[in-house]
Amino acid sequence: MLALRPLSAGVIFDVRYAEGRSERFPEFAADLLRFNPDVILAVTEPAVQAAKRATSTVPIVMLLVGDSVQTGLVASLARPGANVTGLTTLVPQLASKRLEILAEVTRKPARIAFLRRPAAVNATSIWDDVQSAARQINVAIVPIDANEAGDLERALAEVARFGANGLLVDAAPTFFLERRLILDFAIAHRIPAAYGFRQFVDAGGLM
């Protein structure tokens, strides 16, 4: 989360980094507002939600947010309304397509674990899409839940216990930040995996 303030010689950037702990965003939003910023840049949906709850007057620019209409951040893409604008992406909604591609390279019968963040606002709709796709291509899939970075080691152990021969990783910011841990697990267990961000592949992930 970042706030911008004017300065006679330029701009002041006040930055707050949650280190994967989304529960800190309300505290950060309140702290940044003490500086009377001209604009707040919020990265990920939890950060935007926290900033929106904290102020209805300071402009908020959002990044790395899924369906911002469905999550209630904006009224519509054409007319966001209120004080929130920025970039929205449908990357999370592509999870079912990533599942279809992953199933093509997974040995049969496919047993795929879906690493997801159930606290996300759109988690239910994404899981519904993934389940529907799994039924159509006759793939066994099980949700493995991890809301925060501290949940990941336990969640990955569940993937191993499930005996997964494929791993679908949701496009959650927490997973992006902890991608090295997830990548090392998939490589060590020789599990083909599909990810929601290109950076996973850049760092050695499969697809």
N, C-alpha and C. Protein backbone atom coordinates (compact mmCIF):
# COMPACT_ATOMS: atom_id res chain seq x y z
N MET A 1 0.85 -1.18 0.00
CA MET A 1 0.00 0.00 0.00
C MET A 1 0.89 1.24 0.00
N LEU A 2 0.56 2.21 -0.83
CA LEU A 2 1.44 3.36 -1.03
C LEU A 2 0.60 4.62 -1.11
N ALA A 3 1.05 5.68 -0.46
CA ALA A 3 0.37 6.97 -0.52
C ALA A 3 1.30 8.02 -1.12
N LEU A 4 0.73 8.92 -1.93
CA LEU A 4 1.50 9.98 -2.56
C LEU A 4 1.10 11.32 -2.00
N ARG A 5 2.12 12.12 -1.64
CA ARG A 5 1.89 13.48 -1.14
C ARG A 5 2.71 14.45 -1.96
N PRO A 6 2.17 15.65 -2.22
CA PRO A 6 2.93 16.62 -3.02
C PRO A 6 4.04 17.24 -2.19
N LEU A 7 5.09 17.65 -2.87
CA LEU A 7 6.22 18.34 -2.26
C LEU A 7 6.67 19.39 -3.25
N SER A 8 7.17 20.51 -2.74
CA SER A 8 7.56 21.59 -3.65
C SER A 8 8.57 21.12 -4.68
N ALA A 9 9.43 20.15 -4.29
CA ALA A 9 10.46 19.67 -5.21
C ALA A 9 10.07 18.36 -5.89
N GLY A 10 8.86 17.87 -5.65
CA GLY A 10 8.46 16.61 -6.26
C GLY A 10 7.34 15.94 -5.50
N VAL A 11 7.47 14.63 -5.29
CA VAL A 11 6.42 13.83 -4.66
C VAL A 11 7.03 12.98 -3.55
N ILE A 12 6.30 12.86 -2.44
CA ILE A 12 6.70 11.97 -1.36
C ILE A 12 5.92 10.66 -1.49
N PHE A 13 6.62 9.54 -1.42
CA PHE A 13 5.99 8.23 -1.45
C PHE A 13 6.07 7.62 -0.05
N ASP A 14 4.93 7.34 0.56
CA ASP A 14 4.88 6.64 1.84
C ASP A 14 4.42 5.21 1.56
N VAL A 15 5.27 4.24 1.86
CA VAL A 15 5.01 2.85 1.48
C VAL A 15 4.80 1.98 2.73
N ARG A 16 3.81 1.09 2.65
CA ARG A 16 3.58 0.10 3.70
C ARG A 16 3.50 -1.27 3.05
N TYR A 17 4.27 -2.22 3.55
CA TYR A 17 4.34 -3.57 2.97
C TYR A 17 3.88 -4.59 4.01
N ALA A 18 2.86 -5.39 3.68
CA ALA A 18 2.25 -6.30 4.65
C ALA A 18 2.97 -7.63 4.77
N GLU A 19 3.91 -7.93 3.89
CA GLU A 19 4.67 -9.18 3.94
C GLU A 19 3.76 -10.40 3.98
N GLY A 20 2.69 -10.35 3.16
CA GLY A 20 1.77 -11.49 3.08
C GLY A 20 0.74 -11.55 4.18
N ARG A 21 0.71 -10.59 5.10
CA ARG A 21 -0.24 -10.59 6.22
C ARG A 21 -1.34 -9.57 5.93
N SER A 22 -2.41 -10.02 5.29
CA SER A 22 -3.46 -9.10 4.86
C SER A 22 -4.20 -8.45 6.03
N GLU A 23 -4.14 -9.05 7.23
CA GLU A 23 -4.82 -8.44 8.38
C GLU A 23 -4.19 -7.11 8.78
N ARG A 24 -3.03 -6.77 8.24
CA ARG A 24 -2.36 -5.52 8.58
C ARG A 24 -2.84 -4.34 7.73
N PHE A 25 -3.58 -4.62 6.65
CA PHE A 25 -3.97 -3.55 5.75
C PHE A 25 -4.84 -2.46 6.41
N PRO A 26 -5.82 -2.79 7.26
CA PRO A 26 -6.59 -1.71 7.90
C PRO A 26 -5.71 -0.77 8.71
N GLU A 27 -4.74 -1.33 9.42
CA GLU A 27 -3.80 -0.51 10.20
C GLU A 27 -2.99 0.40 9.27
N PHE A 28 -2.52 -0.15 8.15
CA PHE A 28 -1.73 0.64 7.21
C PHE A 28 -2.56 1.76 6.59
N ALA A 29 -3.80 1.46 6.24
CA ALA A 29 -4.66 2.48 5.63
C ALA A 29 -4.87 3.65 6.58
N ALA A 30 -5.16 3.34 7.84
CA ALA A 30 -5.36 4.39 8.83
C ALA A 30 -4.09 5.20 9.03
N ASP A 31 -2.96 4.53 9.04
CA ASP A 31 -1.68 5.21 9.23
C ASP A 31 -1.38 6.16 8.08
N LEU A 32 -1.60 5.72 6.85
CA LEU A 32 -1.31 6.55 5.68
C LEU A 32 -2.22 7.78 5.63
N LEU A 33 -3.45 7.62 6.08
CA LEU A 33 -4.39 8.75 6.03
C LEU A 33 -3.97 9.88 6.96
N ARG A 34 -3.15 9.59 7.95
CA ARG A 34 -2.68 10.65 8.86
C ARG A 34 -1.83 11.67 8.13
N PHE A 35 -1.25 11.29 6.97
CA PHE A 35 -0.40 12.19 6.21
C PHE A 35 -1.18 13.00 5.17
N ASN A 36 -2.52 12.86 5.18
CA ASN A 36 -3.36 13.58 4.21
C ASN A 36 -2.87 13.39 2.77
N PRO A 37 -2.81 12.16 2.30
CA PRO A 37 -2.26 11.91 0.96
C PRO A 37 -3.19 12.42 -0.13
N ASP A 38 -2.63 12.66 -1.30
CA ASP A 38 -3.43 13.03 -2.47
C ASP A 38 -4.03 11.80 -3.13
N VAL A 39 -3.34 10.67 -3.02
CA VAL A 39 -3.85 9.44 -3.63
C VAL A 39 -3.23 8.24 -2.91
N ILE A 40 -3.97 7.13 -2.85
CA ILE A 40 -3.47 5.88 -2.28
C ILE A 40 -3.44 4.83 -3.39
N LEU A 41 -2.30 4.18 -3.55
CA LEU A 41 -2.16 3.07 -4.48
C LEU A 41 -2.23 1.79 -3.66
N ALA A 42 -3.23 0.96 -3.93
CA ALA A 42 -3.43 -0.27 -3.17
C ALA A 42 -3.29 -1.48 -4.10
N VAL A 43 -2.41 -2.40 -3.72
CA VAL A 43 -2.13 -3.58 -4.53
C VAL A 43 -2.75 -4.80 -3.88
N THR A 44 -3.61 -5.49 -4.57
CA THR A 44 -4.40 -6.66 -4.19
C THR A 44 -5.74 -6.22 -3.58
N GLU A 45 -6.70 -7.10 -3.72
CA GLU A 45 -8.08 -6.80 -3.29
C GLU A 45 -8.20 -6.50 -1.79
N PRO A 46 -7.55 -7.27 -0.89
CA PRO A 46 -7.65 -6.93 0.54
C PRO A 46 -7.14 -5.53 0.86
N ALA A 47 -6.08 -5.09 0.19
CA ALA A 47 -5.55 -3.75 0.43
C ALA A 47 -6.53 -2.69 -0.04
N VAL A 48 -7.15 -2.91 -1.19
CA VAL A 48 -8.13 -1.94 -1.70
C VAL A 48 -9.34 -1.88 -0.78
N GLN A 49 -9.83 -3.05 -0.34
CA GLN A 49 -10.97 -3.07 0.56
C GLN A 49 -10.67 -2.30 1.84
N ALA A 50 -9.48 -2.48 2.39
CA ALA A 50 -9.11 -1.78 3.62
C ALA A 50 -9.05 -0.28 3.39
N ALA A 51 -8.46 0.14 2.27
CA ALA A 51 -8.37 1.57 1.97
C ALA A 51 -9.76 2.17 1.75
N LYS A 52 -10.63 1.42 1.07
CA LYS A 52 -11.98 1.93 0.80
C LYS A 52 -12.78 2.09 2.08
N ARG A 53 -12.59 1.15 3.02
CA ARG A 53 -13.30 1.27 4.31
C ARG A 53 -12.77 2.45 5.11
N ALA A 54 -11.49 2.79 4.91
CA ALA A 54 -10.86 3.84 5.71
C ALA A 54 -11.20 5.24 5.22
N THR A 55 -11.48 5.39 3.91
CA THR A 55 -11.74 6.73 3.39
C THR A 55 -12.71 6.67 2.21
N SER A 56 -13.56 7.66 2.14
CA SER A 56 -14.48 7.78 1.00
C SER A 56 -14.15 9.02 0.17
N THR A 57 -13.06 9.71 0.52
CA THR A 57 -12.72 10.97 -0.16
C THR A 57 -11.37 10.92 -0.88
N VAL A 58 -10.36 10.26 -0.29
CA VAL A 58 -9.05 10.19 -0.93
C VAL A 58 -9.12 9.22 -2.10
N PRO A 59 -8.68 9.61 -3.29
CA PRO A 59 -8.69 8.71 -4.43
C PRO A 59 -7.84 7.46 -4.18
N ILE A 60 -8.38 6.31 -4.56
CA ILE A 60 -7.68 5.03 -4.41
C ILE A 60 -7.48 4.42 -5.80
N VAL A 61 -6.24 4.10 -6.14
CA VAL A 61 -5.93 3.44 -7.40
C VAL A 61 -5.58 1.98 -7.09
N MET A 62 -6.26 1.05 -7.74
CA MET A 62 -6.07 -0.38 -7.42
C MET A 62 -5.26 -1.09 -8.50
N LEU A 63 -4.48 -2.09 -8.04
CA LEU A 63 -3.70 -2.96 -8.93
C LEU A 63 -3.83 -4.40 -8.45
N LEU A 64 -3.64 -5.36 -9.36
CA LEU A 64 -3.69 -6.79 -9.04
C LEU A 64 -4.98 -7.16 -8.32
N VAL A 65 -6.10 -6.71 -8.89
CA VAL A 65 -7.42 -7.00 -8.34
C VAL A 65 -8.21 -7.79 -9.38
N GLY A 66 -8.95 -8.79 -8.93
CA GLY A 66 -9.76 -9.60 -9.83
C GLY A 66 -10.98 -8.85 -10.32
N ASP A 67 -12.11 -9.49 -10.30
CA ASP A 67 -13.35 -8.88 -10.79
C ASP A 67 -13.81 -7.82 -9.78
N SER A 68 -13.46 -6.58 -10.03
CA SER A 68 -13.73 -5.51 -9.06
C SER A 68 -15.21 -5.16 -8.95
N VAL A 69 -15.99 -5.53 -9.96
CA VAL A 69 -17.45 -5.31 -9.88
C VAL A 69 -18.06 -6.36 -8.96
N GLN A 70 -17.69 -7.62 -9.16
CA GLN A 70 -18.22 -8.70 -8.33
C GLN A 70 -17.86 -8.52 -6.86
N THR A 71 -16.66 -8.03 -6.58
CA THR A 71 -16.23 -7.86 -5.20
C THR A 71 -16.76 -6.57 -4.57
N GLY A 72 -17.46 -5.75 -5.35
CA GLY A 72 -18.07 -4.55 -4.80
C GLY A 72 -17.14 -3.36 -4.66
N LEU A 73 -15.96 -3.42 -5.27
CA LEU A 73 -15.03 -2.29 -5.18
C LEU A 73 -15.48 -1.13 -6.04
N VAL A 74 -16.09 -1.44 -7.18
CA VAL A 74 -16.59 -0.39 -8.07
C VAL A 74 -17.99 -0.76 -8.53
N ALA A 75 -18.74 0.27 -8.95
CA ALA A 75 -20.11 0.04 -9.41
C ALA A 75 -20.14 -0.65 -10.77
N SER A 76 -19.25 -0.24 -11.67
CA SER A 76 -19.14 -0.85 -12.99
C SER A 76 -17.78 -0.49 -13.56
N LEU A 77 -17.34 -1.21 -14.59
CA LEU A 77 -16.06 -0.91 -15.20
C LEU A 77 -16.11 0.41 -15.95
N ALA A 78 -17.25 0.72 -16.55
CA ALA A 78 -17.39 1.97 -17.30
C ALA A 78 -17.47 3.18 -16.38
N ARG A 79 -18.17 3.03 -15.26
CA ARG A 79 -18.35 4.12 -14.29
C ARG A 79 -18.11 3.58 -12.89
N PRO A 80 -16.84 3.59 -12.46
CA PRO A 80 -16.51 3.00 -11.16
C PRO A 80 -17.25 3.63 -9.99
N GLY A 81 -17.48 4.97 -10.06
CA GLY A 81 -18.16 5.65 -8.97
C GLY A 81 -17.26 5.78 -7.75
N ALA A 82 -17.74 6.49 -6.74
CA ALA A 82 -17.03 6.67 -5.47
C ALA A 82 -15.59 7.12 -5.69
N ASN A 83 -14.64 6.59 -4.91
CA ASN A 83 -13.27 7.08 -4.95
C ASN A 83 -12.26 6.01 -5.36
N VAL A 84 -12.72 4.93 -5.99
CA VAL A 84 -11.84 3.83 -6.40
C VAL A 84 -11.79 3.71 -7.91
N THR A 85 -10.58 3.60 -8.45
CA THR A 85 -10.40 3.37 -9.88
C THR A 85 -9.11 2.56 -10.05
N GLY A 86 -8.72 2.30 -11.29
CA GLY A 86 -7.47 1.58 -11.50
C GLY A 86 -7.61 0.44 -12.48
N LEU A 87 -6.84 -0.65 -12.24
CA LEU A 87 -6.81 -1.78 -13.16
C LEU A 87 -7.44 -3.01 -12.52
N THR A 88 -8.25 -3.71 -13.30
CA THR A 88 -8.85 -4.95 -12.84
C THR A 88 -8.47 -6.05 -13.82
N THR A 89 -8.42 -7.27 -13.33
CA THR A 89 -8.01 -8.39 -14.17
C THR A 89 -8.94 -9.57 -13.94
N LEU A 90 -9.10 -10.39 -14.96
CA LEU A 90 -9.91 -11.60 -14.82
C LEU A 90 -9.03 -12.84 -14.71
N VAL A 91 -7.78 -12.67 -14.28
CA VAL A 91 -6.87 -13.80 -14.13
C VAL A 91 -7.46 -14.90 -13.24
N PRO A 92 -8.06 -14.59 -12.07
CA PRO A 92 -8.61 -15.68 -11.24
C PRO A 92 -9.65 -16.51 -11.97
N GLN A 93 -10.45 -15.87 -12.84
CA GLN A 93 -11.50 -16.59 -13.55
C GLN A 93 -10.96 -17.53 -14.62
N LEU A 94 -9.66 -17.51 -14.87
CA LEU A 94 -9.06 -18.40 -15.85
C LEU A 94 -8.58 -19.70 -15.21
N ALA A 95 -8.87 -19.91 -13.94
CA ALA A 95 -8.42 -21.12 -13.25
C ALA A 95 -8.94 -22.38 -13.92
N SER A 96 -10.19 -22.37 -14.38
CA SER A 96 -10.74 -23.56 -15.02
C SER A 96 -10.02 -23.89 -16.33
N LYS A 97 -9.62 -22.87 -17.08
CA LYS A 97 -8.87 -23.11 -18.31
C LYS A 97 -7.48 -23.66 -17.98
N ARG A 98 -6.84 -23.15 -16.94
CA ARG A 98 -5.54 -23.68 -16.54
C ARG A 98 -5.66 -25.15 -16.12
N LEU A 99 -6.79 -25.50 -15.48
CA LEU A 99 -7.02 -26.89 -15.10
C LEU A 99 -7.08 -27.79 -16.33
N GLU A 100 -7.79 -27.37 -17.35
CA GLU A 100 -7.91 -28.16 -18.57
C GLU A 100 -6.55 -28.42 -19.21
N ILE A 101 -5.71 -27.39 -19.26
CA ILE A 101 -4.38 -27.55 -19.85
C ILE A 101 -3.51 -28.45 -18.98
N LEU A 102 -3.57 -28.27 -17.66
CA LEU A 102 -2.79 -29.09 -16.74
C LEU A 102 -3.16 -30.56 -16.87
N ALA A 103 -4.46 -30.83 -17.01
CA ALA A 103 -4.91 -32.22 -17.11
C ALA A 103 -4.32 -32.94 -18.31
N GLU A 104 -3.97 -32.19 -19.35
CA GLU A 104 -3.42 -32.80 -20.56
C GLU A 104 -2.02 -33.36 -20.35
N VAL A 105 -1.30 -32.84 -19.36
CA VAL A 105 0.07 -33.30 -19.13
C VAL A 105 0.19 -34.09 -17.83
N THR A 106 -0.92 -34.38 -17.20
CA THR A 106 -0.92 -35.13 -15.94
C THR A 106 -1.21 -36.59 -16.23
N ARG A 107 -0.46 -37.48 -15.58
CA ARG A 107 -0.70 -38.91 -15.82
C ARG A 107 -2.10 -39.29 -15.33
N LYS A 108 -2.65 -40.30 -15.94
CA LYS A 108 -4.02 -40.72 -15.65
C LYS A 108 -4.00 -41.93 -14.71
N PRO A 109 -5.01 -42.02 -13.81
CA PRO A 109 -6.07 -41.03 -13.60
C PRO A 109 -5.54 -39.77 -12.91
N ALA A 110 -6.01 -38.64 -13.35
CA ALA A 110 -5.54 -37.37 -12.81
C ALA A 110 -6.13 -37.12 -11.43
N ARG A 111 -5.26 -36.79 -10.50
CA ARG A 111 -5.66 -36.38 -9.14
C ARG A 111 -5.01 -35.03 -8.88
N ILE A 112 -5.80 -33.99 -9.03
CA ILE A 112 -5.25 -32.63 -8.99
C ILE A 112 -5.67 -31.92 -7.71
N ALA A 113 -4.70 -31.30 -7.06
CA ALA A 113 -4.96 -30.48 -5.88
C ALA A 113 -5.05 -29.02 -6.32
N PHE A 114 -6.04 -28.33 -5.80
CA PHE A 114 -6.24 -26.91 -6.13
C PHE A 114 -5.89 -26.08 -4.91
N LEU A 115 -4.71 -25.43 -4.95
CA LEU A 115 -4.28 -24.57 -3.86
C LEU A 115 -4.99 -23.24 -3.99
N ARG A 116 -5.82 -22.90 -3.01
CA ARG A 116 -6.66 -21.71 -3.13
C ARG A 116 -6.65 -20.91 -1.82
N ARG A 117 -7.13 -19.67 -1.91
CA ARG A 117 -7.27 -18.81 -0.74
C ARG A 117 -8.76 -18.60 -0.49
N PRO A 118 -9.38 -19.39 0.41
CA PRO A 118 -10.83 -19.34 0.57
C PRO A 118 -11.37 -18.02 1.11
N ALA A 119 -10.50 -17.20 1.73
CA ALA A 119 -10.96 -15.92 2.25
C ALA A 119 -11.18 -14.88 1.15
N ALA A 120 -10.70 -15.15 -0.05
CA ALA A 120 -10.89 -14.21 -1.16
C ALA A 120 -12.38 -14.08 -1.47
N VAL A 121 -12.80 -12.87 -1.83
CA VAL A 121 -14.21 -12.60 -2.07
C VAL A 121 -14.78 -13.48 -3.18
N ASN A 122 -13.97 -13.75 -4.21
CA ASN A 122 -14.45 -14.52 -5.35
C ASN A 122 -14.09 -15.99 -5.27
N ALA A 123 -13.67 -16.47 -4.09
CA ALA A 123 -13.21 -17.85 -3.95
C ALA A 123 -14.30 -18.86 -4.30
N THR A 124 -15.53 -18.60 -3.89
CA THR A 124 -16.61 -19.55 -4.13
C THR A 124 -16.91 -19.69 -5.62
N SER A 125 -16.97 -18.57 -6.33
CA SER A 125 -17.27 -18.63 -7.77
C SER A 125 -16.14 -19.31 -8.54
N ILE A 126 -14.90 -19.07 -8.14
CA ILE A 126 -13.77 -19.71 -8.81
C ILE A 126 -13.80 -21.22 -8.57
N TRP A 127 -14.07 -21.63 -7.34
CA TRP A 127 -14.14 -23.05 -7.03
C TRP A 127 -15.28 -23.71 -7.81
N ASP A 128 -16.41 -23.04 -7.94
CA ASP A 128 -17.52 -23.59 -8.72
C ASP A 128 -17.10 -23.81 -10.17
N ASP A 129 -16.37 -22.83 -10.74
CA ASP A 129 -15.90 -22.95 -12.13
C ASP A 129 -14.93 -24.12 -12.28
N VAL A 130 -14.02 -24.25 -11.32
CA VAL A 130 -13.02 -25.31 -11.38
C VAL A 130 -13.68 -26.68 -11.25
N GLN A 131 -14.63 -26.81 -10.32
CA GLN A 131 -15.33 -28.08 -10.16
C GLN A 131 -16.08 -28.46 -11.43
N SER A 132 -16.73 -27.48 -12.03
CA SER A 132 -17.48 -27.74 -13.26
C SER A 132 -16.55 -28.23 -14.37
N ALA A 133 -15.41 -27.57 -14.51
CA ALA A 133 -14.43 -27.98 -15.52
C ALA A 133 -13.89 -29.38 -15.24
N ALA A 134 -13.65 -29.68 -13.95
CA ALA A 134 -13.13 -30.99 -13.58
C ALA A 134 -14.11 -32.10 -13.94
N ARG A 135 -15.39 -31.85 -13.72
CA ARG A 135 -16.40 -32.86 -14.06
C ARG A 135 -16.44 -33.10 -15.57
N GLN A 136 -16.30 -32.04 -16.34
CA GLN A 136 -16.39 -32.17 -17.80
C GLN A 136 -15.23 -32.97 -18.37
N ILE A 137 -14.05 -32.90 -17.74
CA ILE A 137 -12.88 -33.61 -18.28
C ILE A 137 -12.53 -34.83 -17.44
N ASN A 138 -13.43 -35.18 -16.50
CA ASN A 138 -13.27 -36.40 -15.69
C ASN A 138 -11.98 -36.39 -14.89
N VAL A 139 -11.79 -35.33 -14.13
CA VAL A 139 -10.60 -35.17 -13.30
C VAL A 139 -11.02 -35.10 -11.84
N ALA A 140 -10.32 -35.84 -10.98
CA ALA A 140 -10.55 -35.73 -9.54
C ALA A 140 -9.80 -34.51 -9.02
N ILE A 141 -10.50 -33.65 -8.28
CA ILE A 141 -9.85 -32.44 -7.77
C ILE A 141 -10.29 -32.20 -6.34
N VAL A 142 -9.36 -31.72 -5.52
CA VAL A 142 -9.66 -31.44 -4.13
C VAL A 142 -9.12 -30.06 -3.78
N PRO A 143 -9.89 -29.24 -3.04
CA PRO A 143 -9.38 -27.93 -2.64
C PRO A 143 -8.42 -28.05 -1.45
N ILE A 144 -7.31 -27.33 -1.54
CA ILE A 144 -6.35 -27.24 -0.43
C ILE A 144 -6.28 -25.76 -0.04
N ASP A 145 -6.68 -25.45 1.19
CA ASP A 145 -6.87 -24.06 1.59
C ASP A 145 -5.67 -23.47 2.32
N ALA A 146 -5.32 -22.24 1.96
CA ALA A 146 -4.28 -21.49 2.65
C ALA A 146 -4.61 -20.01 2.51
N ASN A 147 -4.94 -19.36 3.60
CA ASN A 147 -5.30 -17.94 3.55
C ASN A 147 -4.09 -17.03 3.67
N GLU A 148 -3.13 -17.41 4.50
CA GLU A 148 -1.98 -16.57 4.75
C GLU A 148 -0.69 -17.36 4.49
N ALA A 149 0.42 -16.65 4.43
CA ALA A 149 1.70 -17.28 4.15
C ALA A 149 2.02 -18.37 5.17
N GLY A 150 1.63 -18.15 6.42
CA GLY A 150 1.91 -19.13 7.46
C GLY A 150 1.15 -20.43 7.30
N ASP A 151 0.12 -20.45 6.43
CA ASP A 151 -0.67 -21.67 6.21
C ASP A 151 -0.06 -22.57 5.14
N LEU A 152 0.91 -22.07 4.39
CA LEU A 152 1.34 -22.76 3.18
C LEU A 152 2.04 -24.09 3.43
N GLU A 153 2.92 -24.16 4.39
CA GLU A 153 3.63 -25.42 4.62
C GLU A 153 2.65 -26.53 4.98
N ARG A 154 1.66 -26.21 5.83
CA ARG A 154 0.64 -27.20 6.18
C ARG A 154 -0.18 -27.59 4.96
N ALA A 155 -0.53 -26.60 4.12
CA ALA A 155 -1.33 -26.87 2.93
C ALA A 155 -0.58 -27.75 1.94
N LEU A 156 0.70 -27.48 1.74
CA LEU A 156 1.49 -28.28 0.80
C LEU A 156 1.66 -29.71 1.31
N ALA A 157 1.73 -29.87 2.62
CA ALA A 157 1.78 -31.22 3.19
C ALA A 157 0.49 -31.97 2.87
N GLU A 158 -0.64 -31.26 2.86
CA GLU A 158 -1.91 -31.88 2.50
C GLU A 158 -1.92 -32.31 1.04
N VAL A 159 -1.30 -31.50 0.17
CA VAL A 159 -1.19 -31.87 -1.24
C VAL A 159 -0.47 -33.21 -1.38
N ALA A 160 0.61 -33.37 -0.63
CA ALA A 160 1.37 -34.62 -0.67
C ALA A 160 0.56 -35.79 -0.14
N ARG A 161 -0.18 -35.56 0.96
CA ARG A 161 -0.98 -36.65 1.53
C ARG A 161 -2.11 -37.08 0.60
N PHE A 162 -2.64 -36.14 -0.16
CA PHE A 162 -3.70 -36.44 -1.12
C PHE A 162 -3.18 -37.32 -2.25
N GLY A 163 -1.89 -37.34 -2.43
CA GLY A 163 -1.31 -38.11 -3.52
C GLY A 163 -1.54 -37.45 -4.86
N ALA A 164 -1.51 -36.12 -4.88
CA ALA A 164 -1.78 -35.38 -6.12
C ALA A 164 -0.72 -35.66 -7.16
N ASN A 165 -1.16 -35.83 -8.40
CA ASN A 165 -0.20 -35.91 -9.51
C ASN A 165 -0.32 -34.68 -10.40
N GLY A 166 -1.00 -33.65 -9.88
CA GLY A 166 -1.09 -32.36 -10.54
C GLY A 166 -1.44 -31.30 -9.51
N LEU A 167 -0.91 -30.08 -9.68
CA LEU A 167 -1.16 -29.00 -8.73
C LEU A 167 -1.59 -27.75 -9.49
N LEU A 168 -2.79 -27.28 -9.17
CA LEU A 168 -3.31 -26.04 -9.74
C LEU A 168 -3.24 -24.96 -8.66
N VAL A 169 -2.51 -23.89 -8.93
CA VAL A 169 -2.30 -22.84 -7.93
C VAL A 169 -3.11 -21.61 -8.32
N ASP A 170 -3.99 -21.17 -7.45
CA ASP A 170 -4.83 -20.02 -7.73
C ASP A 170 -3.98 -18.75 -7.81
N ALA A 171 -4.51 -17.75 -8.50
CA ALA A 171 -3.79 -16.48 -8.70
C ALA A 171 -4.00 -15.56 -7.49
N ALA A 172 -3.59 -16.03 -6.32
CA ALA A 172 -3.72 -15.24 -5.10
C ALA A 172 -2.41 -14.51 -4.81
N PRO A 173 -2.47 -13.25 -4.39
CA PRO A 173 -1.24 -12.50 -4.09
C PRO A 173 -0.35 -13.19 -3.06
N THR A 174 -0.96 -13.84 -2.06
CA THR A 174 -0.17 -14.54 -1.05
C THR A 174 0.70 -15.62 -1.70
N PHE A 175 0.14 -16.34 -2.66
CA PHE A 175 0.90 -17.40 -3.33
C PHE A 175 2.00 -16.79 -4.21
N PHE A 176 1.70 -15.66 -4.81
CA PHE A 176 2.71 -14.98 -5.62
C PHE A 176 3.92 -14.61 -4.77
N LEU A 177 3.68 -14.07 -3.59
CA LEU A 177 4.77 -13.65 -2.72
C LEU A 177 5.58 -14.85 -2.22
N GLU A 178 4.91 -15.98 -2.05
CA GLU A 178 5.57 -17.18 -1.52
C GLU A 178 5.85 -18.20 -2.63
N ARG A 179 6.03 -17.71 -3.85
CA ARG A 179 6.16 -18.62 -4.99
C ARG A 179 7.37 -19.54 -4.89
N ARG A 180 8.45 -19.10 -4.26
CA ARG A 180 9.63 -19.96 -4.16
C ARG A 180 9.31 -21.22 -3.35
N LEU A 181 8.57 -21.07 -2.27
CA LEU A 181 8.20 -22.21 -1.44
C LEU A 181 7.34 -23.19 -2.24
N ILE A 182 6.37 -22.67 -2.99
CA ILE A 182 5.48 -23.52 -3.77
C ILE A 182 6.24 -24.21 -4.90
N LEU A 183 7.08 -23.45 -5.58
CA LEU A 183 7.87 -24.02 -6.67
C LEU A 183 8.80 -25.13 -6.18
N ASP A 184 9.47 -24.89 -5.07
CA ASP A 184 10.39 -25.90 -4.53
C ASP A 184 9.63 -27.17 -4.17
N PHE A 185 8.42 -27.03 -3.65
CA PHE A 185 7.62 -28.21 -3.30
C PHE A 185 7.26 -29.00 -4.56
N ALA A 186 6.76 -28.31 -5.58
CA ALA A 186 6.36 -29.00 -6.81
C ALA A 186 7.54 -29.70 -7.47
N ILE A 187 8.69 -29.05 -7.47
CA ILE A 187 9.88 -29.64 -8.09
C ILE A 187 10.36 -30.85 -7.28
N ALA A 188 10.40 -30.71 -5.96
CA ALA A 188 10.88 -31.79 -5.11
C ALA A 188 9.99 -33.03 -5.21
N HIS A 189 8.67 -32.82 -5.37
CA HIS A 189 7.72 -33.94 -5.44
C HIS A 189 7.41 -34.34 -6.88
N ARG A 190 8.06 -33.68 -7.84
CA ARG A 190 7.88 -33.99 -9.26
C ARG A 190 6.40 -33.95 -9.65
N ILE A 191 5.72 -32.88 -9.20
CA ILE A 191 4.29 -32.70 -9.50
C ILE A 191 4.14 -31.61 -10.57
N PRO A 192 3.57 -31.92 -11.73
CA PRO A 192 3.30 -30.87 -12.72
C PRO A 192 2.35 -29.84 -12.12
N ALA A 193 2.64 -28.57 -12.33
CA ALA A 193 1.82 -27.52 -11.72
C ALA A 193 1.55 -26.39 -12.69
N ALA A 194 0.37 -25.80 -12.56
CA ALA A 194 -0.02 -24.64 -13.36
C ALA A 194 -0.28 -23.48 -12.41
N TYR A 195 0.24 -22.31 -12.77
CA TYR A 195 0.19 -21.15 -11.88
C TYR A 195 -0.55 -19.99 -12.54
N GLY A 196 -0.93 -19.02 -11.71
CA GLY A 196 -1.69 -17.88 -12.21
C GLY A 196 -0.85 -16.70 -12.65
N PHE A 197 0.47 -16.76 -12.43
CA PHE A 197 1.34 -15.65 -12.78
C PHE A 197 2.56 -16.13 -13.56
N ARG A 198 2.98 -15.37 -14.55
CA ARG A 198 4.13 -15.71 -15.38
C ARG A 198 5.40 -15.87 -14.55
N GLN A 199 5.52 -15.10 -13.47
CA GLN A 199 6.75 -15.12 -12.68
C GLN A 199 7.06 -16.50 -12.11
N PHE A 200 6.03 -17.34 -11.89
CA PHE A 200 6.28 -18.70 -11.45
C PHE A 200 7.10 -19.46 -12.49
N VAL A 201 6.71 -19.30 -13.75
CA VAL A 201 7.41 -20.00 -14.82
C VAL A 201 8.82 -19.41 -14.99
N ASP A 202 8.94 -18.10 -14.89
CA ASP A 202 10.25 -17.47 -14.98
C ASP A 202 11.21 -18.03 -13.94
N ALA A 203 10.65 -18.42 -12.79
CA ALA A 203 11.48 -18.93 -11.69
C ALA A 203 11.64 -20.45 -11.72
N GLY A 204 11.12 -21.10 -12.80
CA GLY A 204 11.32 -22.54 -12.93
C GLY A 204 10.07 -23.38 -12.91
N GLY A 205 8.90 -22.75 -12.79
CA GLY A 205 7.65 -23.51 -12.79
C GLY A 205 7.31 -24.05 -14.18
N LEU A 206 6.38 -25.02 -14.22
CA LEU A 206 6.06 -25.69 -15.49
C LEU A 206 5.23 -24.82 -16.41
N MET A 207 4.08 -24.30 -15.94
CA MET A 207 3.21 -23.54 -16.85
C MET A 207 2.35 -22.55 -16.07
